[in-house]
Each structure stands twice: as C-alpha cells, then as structure tokens.
Amino acid sequence: MGRIFEKRKHKMFARYDRMAKAFTRVGREIAIAVKAGGPDPEYNPRLRTAVQNAKGLNMPKDRIEGAIKRAGSKDEGNFEEIVYEGYGPHGVAIVVETATDNPVRTVANIRMHFNRGNGALGKTGSLDFMFQRKGVFRITNDGKLNTDELELELIDFGLESLEVDEEEILIYTVFEDFGKMSKALEDHGIAVQKAALERIPTTTVELTEEQQDEILQLVDKFEEDDDVQAVFHNLK
C-alpha cells in the first residue's frame, strides 16, 4: 500500500512540476510580448497569442493579468531571447530557444547539458539550413469542425497544410503568415489551444531505440531548465 501511495504522490508532484514550468514559460512569453508591444492584447498581436497560450494551459485569469501587470512595471527584469544550436550524440541536430535575464548563466547551462549528453554546442546560425520556421496552430479536435470547409476557408490566410488526428487539428503556415492566420482563426471564432513559431526539420535522422533514448534524455535535460522555452531536433 505504501509503495502505491508513493508512486501516486510522485506522479502528482511530477504533474505539478510540469504545470509550474509551463506557467513559467508562458509567463516569460507574456513579459517579452509586453516589453515589445505594450500591455494591451488588442493592439499587441504577440501578447494576444501569449495570453491565448496561457488560457490553453488553464492558467488562471488573475495570474495572466498579474503577469501582464508585472511585465509593464519598471521592477520587472528584461528577458532576452537567445537561440542556441548544437549536435547531440549520433549527429542529431538540436536547437534550443531560451528567454533569459542572465545570458552568462544560460549559455553555461546549455553548454553543460550538451557536454554531459555527449553532444557539442555549435555556432549561432549553423543549423538554419536544417530547419524551417513555420507557424503551428493546435486546435482541440472535438468533432464539431468541418475540416474540409475549414481548409478551404483558410487558404487565403496562408494555410500551407492541415493535419487531423483523433485529439487535435494542426494548422501550418509559413513564418510570414503567422500573424495573418492567427487573426483569421480569431475572426472565425476558432479556439486555439496553442500557437507558436516552430522549427520543422527538413531532414531527419533515424536511430535505434537505445540511441533515441539518449537523445530524448538530453532533450529532457534542456526542457527542465527554467530558461528554456522550446527545444527542436531532427530525430525521426
């Protein structure tokens, strides 16, 4: 009985830890958006997207409003967006997006994770040719949307492709059409669970299951870092 209780407690704390990290990341998205374009989501598309993502995580309304208010105060630190690129073991390309108020600390941690994971930190821009930046919109698939009609309606707003599975609908646009698509979905009254500019690999590396575990363990280490916003790789 004691072991079962400990396992349940461990799962509960792990869930809370993941939620706390998700709230931290979206809080930094909000802070960066407010610093860049002001505290009013109506006139700040980036902030509107950040708030939308916060709601998708079920972040309480008072916490969202508090994050916007703190971001607009003089006491709030400035977060800098820095992208780090490198290779994990077995030649897998890894791109780590960060938001940090201490770049010295962040680069030291990123380098440490690469080294300990048998990888190496590379030069900025060295992996640009291996990834395409695309707008990705995730919508809960509740069966109410006619995806064929939706696809036709969104072509004029930059729709590149639309993918459907049992749980969600994925909408892809090129980087330049991200804002246009975001507004189109909002105007159509479609609730987006998460919207982001993601890095999609142009080629992928196929590895054994054991080798895949090495890469995924390294990715987990990056994602556990509070300064890390997103991690992308070209593991198949």
C-alpha atoms as a PDB file:
ATOM      1  CA  MET A   1       0.000   0.000   0.000  1.00  0.00           C
ATOM      2  CA  GLY A   2       2.866   2.334   0.892  1.00  0.00           C
ATOM      3  CA  ARG A   3       4.553   1.846  -2.488  1.00  0.00           C
ATOM      4  CA  ILE A   4       1.319   2.600  -4.345  1.00  0.00           C
ATOM      5  CA  PHE A   5       0.873   5.788  -2.321  1.00  0.00           C
ATOM      6  CA  GLU A   6       4.462   6.860  -3.030  1.00  0.00           C
ATOM      7  CA  LYS A   7       4.002   6.254  -6.769  1.00  0.00           C
ATOM      8  CA  ARG A   8       0.813   8.280  -6.823  1.00  0.00           C
ATOM      9  CA  LYS A   9       2.462  11.065  -4.863  1.00  0.00           C
ATOM     10  CA  HIS A  10       5.426  11.062  -7.253  1.00  0.00           C
ATOM     11  CA  LYS A  11       3.101  11.301 -10.279  1.00  0.00           C
ATOM     12  CA  MET A  12       1.159  14.123  -8.634  1.00  0.00           C
ATOM     13  CA  PHE A  13       4.310  16.141  -7.898  1.00  0.00           C
ATOM     14  CA  ALA A  14       5.618  15.473 -11.422  1.00  0.00           C
ATOM     15  CA  ARG A  15       2.350  16.801 -12.860  1.00  0.00           C
ATOM     16  CA  TYR A  16       2.523  19.925 -10.703  1.00  0.00           C
ATOM     17  CA  ASP A  17       6.170  20.404 -11.672  1.00  0.00           C
ATOM     18  CA  ARG A  18       5.313  20.232 -15.391  1.00  0.00           C
ATOM     19  CA  MET A  19       2.467  22.693 -14.888  1.00  0.00           C
ATOM     20  CA  ALA A  20       4.703  25.095 -12.942  1.00  0.00           C
ATOM     21  CA  LYS A  21       7.328  25.002 -15.702  1.00  0.00           C
ATOM     22  CA  ALA A  22       4.672  25.563 -18.370  1.00  0.00           C
ATOM     23  CA  PHE A  23       3.341  28.571 -16.437  1.00  0.00           C
ATOM     24  CA  THR A  24       6.900  29.942 -16.093  1.00  0.00           C
ATOM     25  CA  ARG A  25       7.471  29.663 -19.845  1.00  0.00           C
ATOM     26  CA  VAL A  26       4.217  31.302 -20.842  1.00  0.00           C
ATOM     27  CA  GLY A  27       4.819  33.986 -18.190  1.00  0.00           C
ATOM     28  CA  ARG A  28       8.078  34.845 -19.916  1.00  0.00           C
ATOM     29  CA  GLU A  29       6.300  34.891 -23.275  1.00  0.00           C
ATOM     30  CA  ILE A  30       3.904  37.434 -21.806  1.00  0.00           C
ATOM     31  CA  ALA A  31       6.740  39.525 -20.328  1.00  0.00           C
ATOM     32  CA  ILE A  32       8.636  39.648 -23.631  1.00  0.00           C
ATOM     33  CA  ALA A  33       5.470  40.497 -25.561  1.00  0.00           C
ATOM     34  CA  VAL A  34       4.539  43.342 -23.198  1.00  0.00           C
ATOM     35  CA  LYS A  35       8.053  44.822 -23.326  1.00  0.00           C
ATOM     36  CA  ALA A  36       7.986  44.680 -27.126  1.00  0.00           C
ATOM     37  CA  GLY A  37       4.484  45.929 -27.882  1.00  0.00           C
ATOM     38  CA  GLY A  38       2.703  47.191 -24.768  1.00  0.00           C
ATOM     39  CA  PRO A  39       0.215  45.688 -22.274  1.00  0.00           C
ATOM     40  CA  ASP A  40      -2.958  45.792 -24.371  1.00  0.00           C
ATOM     41  CA  PRO A  41      -3.596  42.481 -26.204  1.00  0.00           C
ATOM     42  CA  GLU A  42      -5.951  44.223 -28.622  1.00  0.00           C
ATOM     43  CA  TYR A  43      -3.067  46.224 -30.093  1.00  0.00           C
ATOM     44  CA  ASN A  44      -0.294  43.703 -29.415  1.00  0.00           C
ATOM     45  CA  PRO A  45      -0.669  40.516 -31.540  1.00  0.00           C
ATOM     46  CA  ARG A  46       2.237  38.778 -29.827  1.00  0.00           C
ATOM     47  CA  LEU A  47       0.743  39.381 -26.397  1.00  0.00           C
ATOM     48  CA  ARG A  48      -2.625  38.186 -27.666  1.00  0.00           C
ATOM     49  CA  THR A  49      -1.004  34.908 -28.745  1.00  0.00           C
ATOM     50  CA  ALA A  50       0.811  34.553 -25.400  1.00  0.00           C
ATOM     51  CA  VAL A  51      -2.434  35.099 -23.483  1.00  0.00           C
ATOM     52  CA  GLN A  52      -4.153  32.593 -25.750  1.00  0.00           C
ATOM     53  CA  ASN A  53      -1.441  30.026 -24.968  1.00  0.00           C
ATOM     54  CA  ALA A  54      -1.765  30.747 -21.242  1.00  0.00           C
ATOM     55  CA  LYS A  55      -5.507  30.093 -21.423  1.00  0.00           C
ATOM     56  CA  GLY A  56      -4.792  26.873 -23.322  1.00  0.00           C
ATOM     57  CA  LEU A  57      -2.741  25.754 -20.298  1.00  0.00           C
ATOM     58  CA  ASN A  58      -5.655  26.636 -17.985  1.00  0.00           C
ATOM     59  CA  MET A  59      -3.596  29.373 -16.371  1.00  0.00           C
ATOM     60  CA  PRO A  60      -5.919  31.313 -14.012  1.00  0.00           C
ATOM     61  CA  LYS A  61      -7.118  34.688 -15.277  1.00  0.00           C
ATOM     62  CA  ASP A  62      -5.674  36.549 -12.267  1.00  0.00           C
ATOM     63  CA  ARG A  63      -2.241  35.035 -12.928  1.00  0.00           C
ATOM     64  CA  ILE A  64      -2.371  36.128 -16.570  1.00  0.00           C
ATOM     65  CA  GLU A  65      -3.376  39.664 -15.579  1.00  0.00           C
ATOM     66  CA  GLY A  66      -0.690  39.683 -12.882  1.00  0.00           C
ATOM     67  CA  ALA A  67       1.966  38.634 -15.410  1.00  0.00           C
ATOM     68  CA  ILE A  68       0.942  41.460 -17.765  1.00  0.00           C
ATOM     69  CA  LYS A  69       0.999  43.975 -14.932  1.00  0.00           C
ATOM     70  CA  ARG A  70       4.424  42.850 -13.680  1.00  0.00           C
ATOM     71  CA  ALA A  71       5.853  42.943 -17.201  1.00  0.00           C
ATOM     72  CA  GLY A  72       4.836  46.595 -17.518  1.00  0.00           C
ATOM     73  CA  SER A  73       6.498  47.637 -14.258  1.00  0.00           C
ATOM     74  CA  LYS A  74       9.987  49.091 -14.041  1.00  0.00           C
ATOM     75  CA  ASP A  75      10.996  46.490 -11.452  1.00  0.00           C
ATOM     76  CA  GLU A  76      10.484  43.551 -13.801  1.00  0.00           C
ATOM     77  CA  GLY A  77      13.713  42.280 -15.350  1.00  0.00           C
ATOM     78  CA  ASN A  78      14.224  42.237 -19.090  1.00  0.00           C
ATOM     79  CA  PHE A  79      14.207  38.826 -20.705  1.00  0.00           C
ATOM     80  CA  GLU A  80      16.402  38.347 -23.752  1.00  0.00           C
ATOM     81  CA  GLU A  81      15.569  35.756 -26.385  1.00  0.00           C
ATOM     82  CA  ILE A  82      18.634  33.724 -27.368  1.00  0.00           C
ATOM     83  CA  VAL A  83      18.799  30.657 -29.605  1.00  0.00           C
ATOM     84  CA  TYR A  84      21.488  28.005 -29.097  1.00  0.00           C
ATOM     85  CA  GLU A  85      22.355  25.354 -31.663  1.00  0.00           C
ATOM     86  CA  GLY A  86      24.384  22.201 -31.483  1.00  0.00           C
ATOM     87  CA  TYR A  87      24.572  18.486 -32.045  1.00  0.00           C
ATOM     88  CA  GLY A  88      23.573  15.710 -29.702  1.00  0.00           C
ATOM     89  CA  PRO A  89      25.050  12.215 -29.958  1.00  0.00           C
ATOM     90  CA  HIS A  90      24.703  10.318 -33.261  1.00  0.00           C
ATOM     91  CA  GLY A  91      24.637  13.536 -35.295  1.00  0.00           C
ATOM     92  CA  VAL A  92      21.192  14.727 -34.218  1.00  0.00           C
ATOM     93  CA  ALA A  93      20.752  18.485 -34.668  1.00  0.00           C
ATOM     94  CA  ILE A  94      19.264  20.315 -31.665  1.00  0.00           C
ATOM     95  CA  VAL A  95      18.016  23.918 -31.440  1.00  0.00           C
ATOM     96  CA  VAL A  96      17.261  25.376 -28.011  1.00  0.00           C
ATOM     97  CA  GLU A  97      15.211  28.574 -27.694  1.00  0.00           C
ATOM     98  CA  THR A  98      15.649  30.460 -24.425  1.00  0.00           C
ATOM     99  CA  ALA A  99      14.313  33.542 -22.647  1.00  0.00           C
ATOM    100  CA  THR A 100      16.772  34.725 -20.033  1.00  0.00           C
ATOM    101  CA  ASP A 101      17.623  37.617 -17.748  1.00  0.00           C
ATOM    102  CA  ASN A 102      21.147  36.202 -17.323  1.00  0.00           C
ATOM    103  CA  PRO A 103      22.756  35.065 -20.621  1.00  0.00           C
ATOM    104  CA  VAL A 104      26.011  34.073 -18.882  1.00  0.00           C
ATOM    105  CA  ARG A 105      24.160  31.596 -16.685  1.00  0.00           C
ATOM    106  CA  THR A 106      22.077  30.303 -19.565  1.00  0.00           C
ATOM    107  CA  VAL A 107      24.906  29.627 -22.015  1.00  0.00           C
ATOM    108  CA  ALA A 108      26.860  27.868 -19.263  1.00  0.00           C
ATOM    109  CA  ASN A 109      23.908  25.588 -18.535  1.00  0.00           C
ATOM    110  CA  ILE A 110      23.226  24.885 -22.220  1.00  0.00           C
ATOM    111  CA  ARG A 111      26.887  24.010 -22.836  1.00  0.00           C
ATOM    112  CA  MET A 112      26.885  21.777 -19.744  1.00  0.00           C
ATOM    113  CA  HIS A 113      23.830  19.843 -20.953  1.00  0.00           C
ATOM    114  CA  PHE A 114      25.354  19.344 -24.408  1.00  0.00           C
ATOM    115  CA  ASN A 115      28.686  18.156 -22.941  1.00  0.00           C
ATOM    116  CA  ARG A 116      27.125  15.801 -20.418  1.00  0.00           C
ATOM    117  CA  GLY A 117      24.869  14.380 -23.123  1.00  0.00           C
ATOM    118  CA  ASN A 118      27.850  13.601 -25.398  1.00  0.00           C
ATOM    119  CA  GLY A 119      26.983  16.485 -27.691  1.00  0.00           C
ATOM    120  CA  ALA A 120      28.517  19.849 -28.518  1.00  0.00           C
ATOM    121  CA  LEU A 121      27.303  23.438 -28.601  1.00  0.00           C
ATOM    122  CA  GLY A 122      27.731  24.984 -32.057  1.00  0.00           C
ATOM    123  CA  LYS A 123      27.744  28.439 -33.604  1.00  0.00           C
ATOM    124  CA  THR A 124      24.589  30.528 -33.915  1.00  0.00           C
ATOM    125  CA  GLY A 125      23.036  30.059 -37.348  1.00  0.00           C
ATOM    126  CA  SER A 126      24.967  26.886 -38.115  1.00  0.00           C
ATOM    127  CA  LEU A 127      21.771  24.790 -38.260  1.00  0.00           C
ATOM    128  CA  ASP A 128      19.491  27.255 -40.058  1.00  0.00           C
ATOM    129  CA  PHE A 129      19.575  25.187 -43.243  1.00  0.00           C
ATOM    130  CA  MET A 130      18.296  22.101 -41.369  1.00  0.00           C
ATOM    131  CA  PHE A 131      15.057  23.648 -40.071  1.00  0.00           C
ATOM    132  CA  GLN A 132      12.185  25.689 -41.485  1.00  0.00           C
ATOM    133  CA  ARG A 133      10.355  28.102 -39.197  1.00  0.00           C
ATOM    134  CA  LYS A 134       6.622  27.660 -39.505  1.00  0.00           C
ATOM    135  CA  GLY A 135       3.548  28.854 -37.694  1.00  0.00           C
ATOM    136  CA  VAL A 136       1.803  25.948 -35.999  1.00  0.00           C
ATOM    137  CA  PHE A 137      -1.698  26.237 -34.546  1.00  0.00           C
ATOM    138  CA  ARG A 138      -3.074  23.415 -32.399  1.00  0.00           C
ATOM    139  CA  ILE A 139      -6.843  23.104 -32.101  1.00  0.00           C
ATOM    140  CA  THR A 140      -8.670  20.521 -29.990  1.00  0.00           C
ATOM    141  CA  ASN A 141     -10.493  18.092 -32.264  1.00  0.00           C
ATOM    142  CA  ASP A 142     -13.949  17.896 -30.684  1.00  0.00           C
ATOM    143  CA  GLY A 143     -15.577  16.705 -33.907  1.00  0.00           C
ATOM    144  CA  LYS A 144     -17.529  19.941 -34.381  1.00  0.00           C
ATOM    145  CA  LEU A 145     -15.336  21.495 -37.079  1.00  0.00           C
ATOM    146  CA  ASN A 146     -15.749  20.541 -40.713  1.00  0.00           C
ATOM    147  CA  THR A 147     -12.065  20.291 -41.604  1.00  0.00           C
ATOM    148  CA  ASP A 148     -12.683  20.243 -45.371  1.00  0.00           C
ATOM    149  CA  GLU A 149     -14.560  23.555 -45.188  1.00  0.00           C
ATOM    150  CA  LEU A 150     -12.011  24.956 -42.741  1.00  0.00           C
ATOM    151  CA  GLU A 151      -9.174  24.110 -45.109  1.00  0.00           C
ATOM    152  CA  LEU A 152     -10.847  25.971 -47.973  1.00  0.00           C
ATOM    153  CA  GLU A 153     -11.626  28.996 -45.795  1.00  0.00           C
ATOM    154  CA  LEU A 154      -8.052  29.331 -44.529  1.00  0.00           C
ATOM    155  CA  ILE A 155      -6.179  29.046 -47.829  1.00  0.00           C
ATOM    156  CA  ASP A 156      -6.460  32.810 -48.386  1.00  0.00           C
ATOM    157  CA  PHE A 157      -4.889  33.424 -44.973  1.00  0.00           C
ATOM    158  CA  GLY A 158      -1.702  31.482 -45.611  1.00  0.00           C
ATOM    159  CA  LEU A 159      -2.688  27.887 -44.884  1.00  0.00           C
ATOM    160  CA  GLU A 160       0.124  25.608 -46.026  1.00  0.00           C
ATOM    161  CA  SER A 161      -1.212  22.316 -44.692  1.00  0.00           C
ATOM    162  CA  LEU A 162      -3.765  20.919 -42.267  1.00  0.00           C
ATOM    163  CA  GLU A 163      -3.380  17.664 -40.338  1.00  0.00           C
ATOM    164  CA  VAL A 164      -6.087  15.904 -38.346  1.00  0.00           C
ATOM    165  CA  ASP A 165      -5.915  13.142 -35.753  1.00  0.00           C
ATOM    166  CA  GLU A 166      -8.255  11.959 -33.018  1.00  0.00           C
ATOM    167  CA  GLU A 167      -7.104  14.558 -30.487  1.00  0.00           C
ATOM    168  CA  GLU A 168      -6.167  17.696 -32.391  1.00  0.00           C
ATOM    169  CA  ILE A 169      -6.130  19.625 -35.642  1.00  0.00           C
ATOM    170  CA  LEU A 170      -2.781  21.058 -36.716  1.00  0.00           C
ATOM    171  CA  ILE A 171      -2.616  24.083 -38.996  1.00  0.00           C
ATOM    172  CA  TYR A 172       0.700  25.038 -40.616  1.00  0.00           C
ATOM    173  CA  THR A 173       1.682  28.347 -42.216  1.00  0.00           C
ATOM    174  CA  VAL A 174       4.934  29.836 -43.421  1.00  0.00           C
ATOM    175  CA  PHE A 175       6.708  32.113 -40.940  1.00  0.00           C
ATOM    176  CA  GLU A 176       5.493  35.329 -42.606  1.00  0.00           C
ATOM    177  CA  ASP A 177       1.795  34.352 -42.418  1.00  0.00           C
ATOM    178  CA  PHE A 178       1.719  33.547 -38.703  1.00  0.00           C
ATOM    179  CA  GLY A 179       0.034  36.812 -37.684  1.00  0.00           C
ATOM    180  CA  LYS A 180      -2.454  36.706 -40.558  1.00  0.00           C
ATOM    181  CA  MET A 181      -3.514  33.145 -39.713  1.00  0.00           C
ATOM    182  CA  SER A 182      -3.776  33.948 -36.005  1.00  0.00           C
ATOM    183  CA  LYS A 183      -6.199  36.786 -36.742  1.00  0.00           C
ATOM    184  CA  ALA A 184      -8.181  34.671 -39.215  1.00  0.00           C
ATOM    185  CA  LEU A 185      -8.745  31.910 -36.648  1.00  0.00           C
ATOM    186  CA  GLU A 186      -9.735  34.502 -34.069  1.00  0.00           C
ATOM    187  CA  ASP A 187     -12.195  36.150 -36.500  1.00  0.00           C
ATOM    188  CA  HIS A 188     -13.697  32.727 -37.269  1.00  0.00           C
ATOM    189  CA  GLY A 189     -14.235  32.133 -33.546  1.00  0.00           C
ATOM    190  CA  ILE A 190     -11.943  29.083 -33.503  1.00  0.00           C
ATOM    191  CA  ALA A 191     -10.355  28.443 -30.116  1.00  0.00           C
ATOM    192  CA  VAL A 192      -6.644  27.716 -30.499  1.00  0.00           C
ATOM    193  CA  GLN A 193      -5.112  25.548 -27.798  1.00  0.00           C
ATOM    194  CA  LYS A 194      -1.577  26.659 -28.623  1.00  0.00           C
ATOM    195  CA  ALA A 195       0.023  28.826 -31.314  1.00  0.00           C
ATOM    196  CA  ALA A 196       3.777  29.031 -31.868  1.00  0.00           C
ATOM    197  CA  LEU A 197       6.530  29.512 -34.388  1.00  0.00           C
ATOM    198  CA  GLU A 198       8.159  26.102 -34.510  1.00  0.00           C
ATOM    199  CA  ARG A 199      11.263  24.772 -36.241  1.00  0.00           C
ATOM    200  CA  ILE A 200      10.399  21.882 -38.540  1.00  0.00           C
ATOM    201  CA  PRO A 201      13.376  19.739 -39.664  1.00  0.00           C
ATOM    202  CA  THR A 202      13.978  19.487 -43.411  1.00  0.00           C
ATOM    203  CA  THR A 203      15.670  16.084 -42.966  1.00  0.00           C
ATOM    204  CA  THR A 204      15.562  13.598 -40.110  1.00  0.00           C
ATOM    205  CA  VAL A 205      17.946  11.106 -38.523  1.00  0.00           C
ATOM    206  CA  GLU A 206      16.754   7.550 -37.883  1.00  0.00           C
ATOM    207  CA  LEU A 207      18.288   5.823 -34.840  1.00  0.00           C
ATOM    208  CA  THR A 208      17.921   2.663 -32.825  1.00  0.00           C
ATOM    209  CA  GLU A 209      15.627   2.693 -29.807  1.00  0.00           C
ATOM    210  CA  GLU A 210      18.588   2.855 -27.446  1.00  0.00           C
ATOM    211  CA  GLN A 211      20.113   5.770 -29.357  1.00  0.00           C
ATOM    212  CA  GLN A 212      16.755   7.557 -29.402  1.00  0.00           C
ATOM    213  CA  ASP A 213      16.632   7.291 -25.605  1.00  0.00           C
ATOM    214  CA  GLU A 214      19.987   9.099 -25.398  1.00  0.00           C
ATOM    215  CA  ILE A 215      18.637  11.995 -27.452  1.00  0.00           C
ATOM    216  CA  LEU A 216      15.346  12.203 -25.585  1.00  0.00           C
ATOM    217  CA  GLN A 217      17.142  12.200 -22.226  1.00  0.00           C
ATOM    218  CA  LEU A 218      19.229  15.141 -23.430  1.00  0.00           C
ATOM    219  CA  VAL A 219      16.097  16.947 -24.651  1.00  0.00           C
ATOM    220  CA  ASP A 220      14.512  16.358 -21.223  1.00  0.00           C
ATOM    221  CA  LYS A 221      17.525  17.980 -19.541  1.00  0.00           C
ATOM    222  CA  PHE A 222      17.124  21.079 -21.693  1.00  0.00           C
ATOM    223  CA  GLU A 223      13.382  21.244 -21.060  1.00  0.00           C
ATOM    224  CA  GLU A 224      13.913  21.035 -17.297  1.00  0.00           C
ATOM    225  CA  ASP A 225      15.947  24.264 -17.429  1.00  0.00           C
ATOM    226  CA  ASP A 226      13.836  27.279 -16.422  1.00  0.00           C
ATOM    227  CA  ASP A 227      15.484  29.481 -19.081  1.00  0.00           C
ATOM    228  CA  VAL A 228      14.488  27.150 -21.922  1.00  0.00           C
ATOM    229  CA  GLN A 229      11.308  27.967 -23.836  1.00  0.00           C
ATOM    230  CA  ALA A 230      11.389  25.268 -26.531  1.00  0.00           C
ATOM    231  CA  VAL A 231      13.626  22.519 -27.918  1.00  0.00           C
ATOM    232  CA  PHE A 232      13.630  21.282 -31.518  1.00  0.00           C
ATOM    233  CA  HIS A 233      15.562  18.383 -33.066  1.00  0.00           C
ATOM    234  CA  ASN A 234      15.682  16.325 -36.246  1.00  0.00           C
ATOM    235  CA  LEU A 235      15.339  12.894 -34.678  1.00  0.00           C
ATOM    236  CA  LYS A 236      12.869  10.861 -36.737  1.00  0.00           C
END
